[in-house]
Protein backbone atom coordinates (compact mmCIF):
# COMPACT_ATOMS: atom_id res chain seq x y z
CA MET A 1 109.97 70.27 129.68
CA LEU A 2 113.35 72.04 129.82
CA TYR A 3 113.25 72.90 126.11
CA ALA A 4 109.62 73.98 126.27
CA THR A 5 110.57 76.33 129.11
CA LEU A 6 113.60 77.58 127.18
CA THR A 7 111.39 78.29 124.16
CA PHE A 8 108.86 80.07 126.37
CA TRP A 9 111.47 82.37 127.94
CA LEU A 10 113.05 83.19 124.58
CA MET A 11 109.63 84.13 123.20
CA ALA A 12 108.89 86.12 126.37
CA ILE A 13 112.19 87.99 125.98
CA VAL A 14 111.43 88.88 122.37
CA LEU A 15 107.88 90.03 123.17
CA MET A 16 108.96 92.01 126.25
CA ALA A 17 111.73 93.70 124.27
CA TRP A 18 109.23 94.57 121.54
CA GLY A 19 106.78 95.88 124.16
CA VAL A 20 109.42 98.03 125.87
CA HIS A 21 110.49 99.48 122.53
CA GLN A 22 106.89 100.32 121.62
CA LEU A 23 106.21 101.92 125.01
CA LEU A 24 109.39 103.98 124.89
CA SER A 25 108.58 105.07 121.34
CA GLY A 26 105.24 106.34 122.68
CA LEU A 27 106.95 108.35 125.41
CA LEU A 28 109.80 109.69 123.31
CA LYS A 29 110.21 110.23 119.61
CA PRO A 30 110.98 106.93 117.84
CA ARG A 31 114.12 108.53 116.42
CA THR A 32 115.34 109.35 119.93
CA VAL A 33 114.71 105.80 121.17
CA ASN A 34 116.44 104.21 118.19
CA MET A 35 119.44 106.50 118.54
CA ILE A 36 119.74 105.71 122.25
CA VAL A 37 119.83 101.95 121.66
CA LEU A 38 122.14 102.26 118.64
CA PRO A 39 124.93 100.07 120.13
CA GLY A 40 122.43 97.23 120.57
CA THR A 41 121.12 97.79 117.04
CA LEU A 42 124.67 97.50 115.69
CA VAL A 43 125.17 94.13 117.41
CA ALA A 44 121.79 92.80 116.23
CA GLN A 45 122.37 94.04 112.69
CA LEU A 46 125.77 92.35 112.56
CA GLY A 47 124.09 89.10 113.61
CA HIS A 48 121.45 89.58 110.92
CA VAL A 49 124.02 90.18 108.18
CA LEU A 50 126.10 87.21 109.37
CA GLY A 51 123.01 85.00 109.19
CA LEU A 52 122.38 86.13 105.63
CA LEU A 53 125.97 85.49 104.57
CA VAL A 54 126.19 82.08 106.26
CA THR A 55 122.99 80.86 104.59
CA GLY A 56 123.87 82.29 101.18
CA ALA A 57 120.97 84.73 101.25
CA THR A 58 120.79 88.05 99.44
CA VAL A 59 121.71 91.10 101.52
CA SER A 60 119.53 94.02 100.48
CA ASN A 61 117.91 97.05 102.11
CA THR A 62 119.90 96.45 105.29
CA THR A 63 120.78 99.64 107.16
CA LEU A 64 121.76 100.51 110.71
CA TYR A 65 119.27 103.36 110.75
CA LYS A 66 117.14 105.04 108.14
CA ASP A 67 117.59 108.73 107.45
CA ASP A 68 114.05 109.70 108.39
CA ASP A 69 112.02 110.70 111.44
CA THR A 70 112.20 107.21 112.97
CA ALA A 71 115.90 106.34 112.48
CA ALA A 72 114.71 102.73 112.61
CA PRO A 73 117.00 99.92 111.45
CA GLU A 74 116.08 98.10 108.28
CA ALA A 75 116.58 94.38 107.70
CA THR A 76 116.34 92.17 104.63
CA THR A 77 112.84 90.69 104.71
CA ASP A 78 113.02 88.67 101.47
CA ALA A 79 116.39 87.04 102.09
CA LYS A 80 115.74 83.73 100.27
CA PRO A 81 118.47 81.69 102.02
CA ARG A 82 119.89 78.78 100.03
CA ILE A 83 119.76 76.37 102.98
CA PRO A 84 116.25 74.89 103.08
CA LEU A 85 114.30 74.88 106.36
CA LEU A 86 117.35 75.62 108.52
CA GLY A 87 118.28 78.80 106.64
CA PRO A 88 115.34 80.97 107.80
CA VAL A 89 115.86 79.74 111.36
CA ILE A 90 119.50 80.85 111.30
CA VAL A 91 118.61 84.23 109.83
CA GLY A 92 115.84 84.72 112.39
CA MET A 93 117.89 83.63 115.40
CA LEU A 94 121.33 85.15 114.83
CA PRO A 95 120.34 88.76 115.70
CA LEU A 96 118.94 87.48 119.00
CA LEU A 97 121.97 85.28 119.66
CA ALA A 98 124.31 88.16 118.80
CA CYS A 99 122.63 90.29 121.48
CA VAL A 100 122.89 87.38 123.92
CA GLY A 101 126.61 87.12 123.16
CA GLY A 102 126.97 90.86 123.75
CA ILE A 103 125.15 90.53 127.08
CA VAL A 104 127.45 87.70 128.15
CA ALA A 105 130.48 89.87 127.37
CA VAL A 106 129.04 92.91 129.17
CA VAL A 107 128.16 90.86 132.27
CA TYR A 108 131.57 89.16 132.29
CA PHE A 109 133.65 92.32 131.93
CA LEU A 110 131.45 94.91 133.67
CA GLY A 111 128.58 93.32 135.58
CA GLY A 112 129.90 90.61 137.86
CA TRP A 113 128.76 92.66 140.84
CA VAL A 114 125.13 92.35 139.67
CA ILE A 115 125.25 88.56 139.68
CA GLU A 116 126.85 88.60 143.12
CA GLY A 117 124.39 91.13 144.54
CA ALA A 118 121.25 89.54 143.09
CA ALA A 119 121.11 86.14 144.75
CA GLY A 120 117.56 85.46 143.53
CA LEU A 121 118.28 86.22 139.89
CA ARG A 122 116.99 82.95 138.45
CA VAL A 123 113.95 82.24 136.30
CA ALA A 124 111.97 79.01 136.66
CA ARG A 125 113.14 75.98 134.69
CA ALA A 126 109.65 74.52 134.40
CA LEU A 127 106.40 75.95 133.11
CA PRO A 128 103.50 76.21 135.60
CA ALA A 129 101.19 73.22 135.28
CA SER A 130 98.35 74.51 137.47
CA LEU A 131 96.65 77.77 138.39
CA PRO A 132 98.41 78.07 141.78
CA ALA A 133 101.74 77.42 140.05
CA PHE A 134 100.91 80.16 137.53
CA TRP A 135 100.35 82.73 140.29
CA GLU A 136 103.50 81.53 142.00
CA SER A 137 105.44 82.13 138.79
CA LEU A 138 104.11 85.71 138.69
CA ARG A 139 105.27 86.25 142.27
CA ASP A 140 108.66 84.88 141.26
CA GLN A 141 108.83 87.49 138.51
CA ILE A 142 108.32 90.26 141.07
CA THR A 143 111.07 88.70 143.20
CA LEU A 144 113.30 88.59 140.14
CA VAL A 145 112.81 92.31 139.50
CA GLU A 146 113.27 93.06 143.20
CA SER A 147 116.61 91.22 143.25
CA LEU A 148 117.87 93.16 140.23
CA THR A 149 116.62 96.48 141.63
CA ASP A 150 118.34 95.89 144.96
CA ALA A 151 121.60 95.05 143.19
CA LEU A 152 121.38 98.25 141.13
CA VAL A 153 120.29 100.53 143.99
CA TYR A 154 123.17 99.47 146.22
CA SER A 155 125.76 99.72 143.47
CA ASP A 156 128.53 102.30 143.51
CA TRP A 157 127.21 104.70 140.89
CA ARG A 158 130.40 106.76 141.11
CA ARG A 159 132.13 104.08 139.01
CA TRP A 160 131.93 104.42 135.24
CA GLN A 161 131.63 100.64 134.96
CA VAL A 162 128.18 100.75 136.58
CA TRP A 163 126.82 103.38 134.21
CA THR A 164 128.34 101.65 131.19
CA PHE A 165 126.97 98.27 132.25
CA VAL A 166 123.42 99.56 132.76
CA TYR A 167 123.44 101.52 129.48
CA LEU A 168 124.75 98.61 127.40
CA MET A 169 122.32 96.19 129.05
CA ILE A 170 119.41 98.49 128.17
CA CYS A 171 120.65 98.77 124.57
CA LEU A 172 121.18 95.03 124.10
CA THR A 173 118.01 93.82 125.83
CA VAL A 174 115.72 96.34 124.12
CA ARG A 175 117.32 95.55 120.76
CA MET A 176 116.45 91.89 121.21
CA ALA A 177 113.14 93.06 119.76
CA PRO A 178 112.90 91.88 116.13
CA PHE A 179 113.50 94.32 113.33
CA PRO A 180 110.38 95.83 111.73
CA GLY A 181 108.54 93.21 109.71
CA THR A 182 110.37 90.22 111.21
CA LEU A 183 108.44 89.61 114.47
CA ARG A 184 106.54 86.52 113.29
CA GLY A 185 109.63 85.10 111.62
CA SER A 186 111.68 85.50 114.81
CA LEU A 187 109.02 83.83 116.96
CA GLY A 188 108.74 80.99 114.45
CA ALA A 189 112.52 80.58 114.49
CA ILE A 190 112.49 80.28 118.30
CA VAL A 191 109.83 77.56 118.18
CA ILE A 192 111.76 75.61 115.53
CA LEU A 193 114.98 76.03 117.53
CA GLY A 194 113.29 74.64 120.66
CA LEU A 195 111.97 71.64 118.74
CA GLY A 196 115.36 71.08 117.15
CA LEU A 197 117.14 71.12 120.52
CA ALA A 198 114.57 68.73 121.98
CA LEU A 199 115.12 66.29 119.08
CA ALA A 200 118.90 66.69 119.37
CA ASN A 201 118.68 65.80 123.05
CA LEU A 202 117.18 62.44 122.10
CA VAL A 203 120.36 61.66 120.17
CA LEU A 204 122.89 63.56 122.31
CA PRO A 205 121.74 63.79 125.95
CA SER A 206 124.63 66.16 126.71
CA THR A 207 122.67 68.86 124.85
CA GLU A 208 120.61 69.36 128.02
CA ASP A 209 123.72 70.45 129.94
CA GLY A 210 124.37 73.17 127.38
CA ALA A 211 120.78 74.37 127.61
CA SER A 212 121.00 74.47 131.41
CA ARG A 213 124.07 76.72 131.27
CA THR A 214 122.08 79.38 129.43
CA TRP A 215 119.81 79.99 132.42
CA GLY A 216 122.01 82.67 133.96
CA VAL A 217 121.90 84.73 130.76
CA LEU A 218 118.14 84.14 130.37
CA SER A 219 117.59 85.25 133.95
CA ILE A 220 119.40 88.55 133.65
CA CYS A 221 117.70 89.29 130.29
CA VAL A 222 114.25 88.57 131.73
CA ALA A 223 115.06 90.60 134.87
CA PHE A 224 116.22 93.69 132.93
CA LEU A 225 113.32 93.55 130.48
CA SER A 226 110.77 93.01 133.27
CA LEU A 227 112.15 96.04 135.12
CA LEU A 228 112.16 98.16 131.96
CA LEU A 229 108.63 97.02 131.12
CA LEU A 230 107.32 97.93 134.58
CA LEU A 231 109.03 101.33 134.49
CA SER A 232 107.80 102.05 130.96
CA VAL A 233 104.20 101.10 131.77
CA THR A 234 104.27 103.19 134.97
CA VAL A 235 105.70 106.28 133.29
CA ARG A 236 103.36 105.88 130.31
CA GLY A 237 100.38 105.65 132.68
CA LEU A 238 101.46 108.68 134.70
CA VAL A 239 101.97 110.74 131.56
CA GLY A 240 98.56 109.71 130.25
CA LEU A 241 96.94 110.56 133.62
CA PHE A 242 98.60 113.98 133.68
CA LYS A 243 97.40 114.75 130.15
CA LEU A 244 93.91 113.61 131.08
CA LEU A 245 93.78 115.80 134.20
CA ALA A 246 95.27 118.72 132.30
CA GLY A 247 92.62 118.37 129.58
CA LYS A 248 95.18 117.58 126.90
CA ALA A 249 94.14 113.98 126.24
């Protein structure tokens, strides 16, 4: 159950990041959004290139941003890694893991106060098995966002560390969205990774301890993306309502 939950949250993170990016691109110009999250794109692109090199794949058409109206990053979609089965998983997962590594570094050096101030910043370690448990999990998500919001609201915004932490967290979490044309491959890689970890746990039970230690990082990623998703949906709805009332829709 632990690995099924881990797989679920990783897929939720990827889909929420993709949703936030799409919503922001509808509010602002895609070029503006991609330029804002450029530090996160750099980290994800480095992970992508590393995955290609490690698996012996061909690096082609890989750019940090395209010189057009979107400024979107471009990844190698026909990599053809030389390692069978495991190669595509590595290529699909390393951009996500690179962003996770960046988040760990940002939290460690700049964001310890968030962890201390958000006592309820923990996602569930088990999937809901009934309808009441499902609604309870949704209430827990609201509590998760509330804990993060309280920690941010009561922070000392006069310190540069706070601004830097929030900006880098936005960049890294939003850029956990797959590169254009790689969404299905990334989701497939997460499923295969979850199955692989579950099988590895049958041989090495200590694998479960390593998976458990990732929950803090998962929690803060889910919390930030949930908050960004709620804010993006609210602003997008208000803008649409204003255009409708103004007769511009």
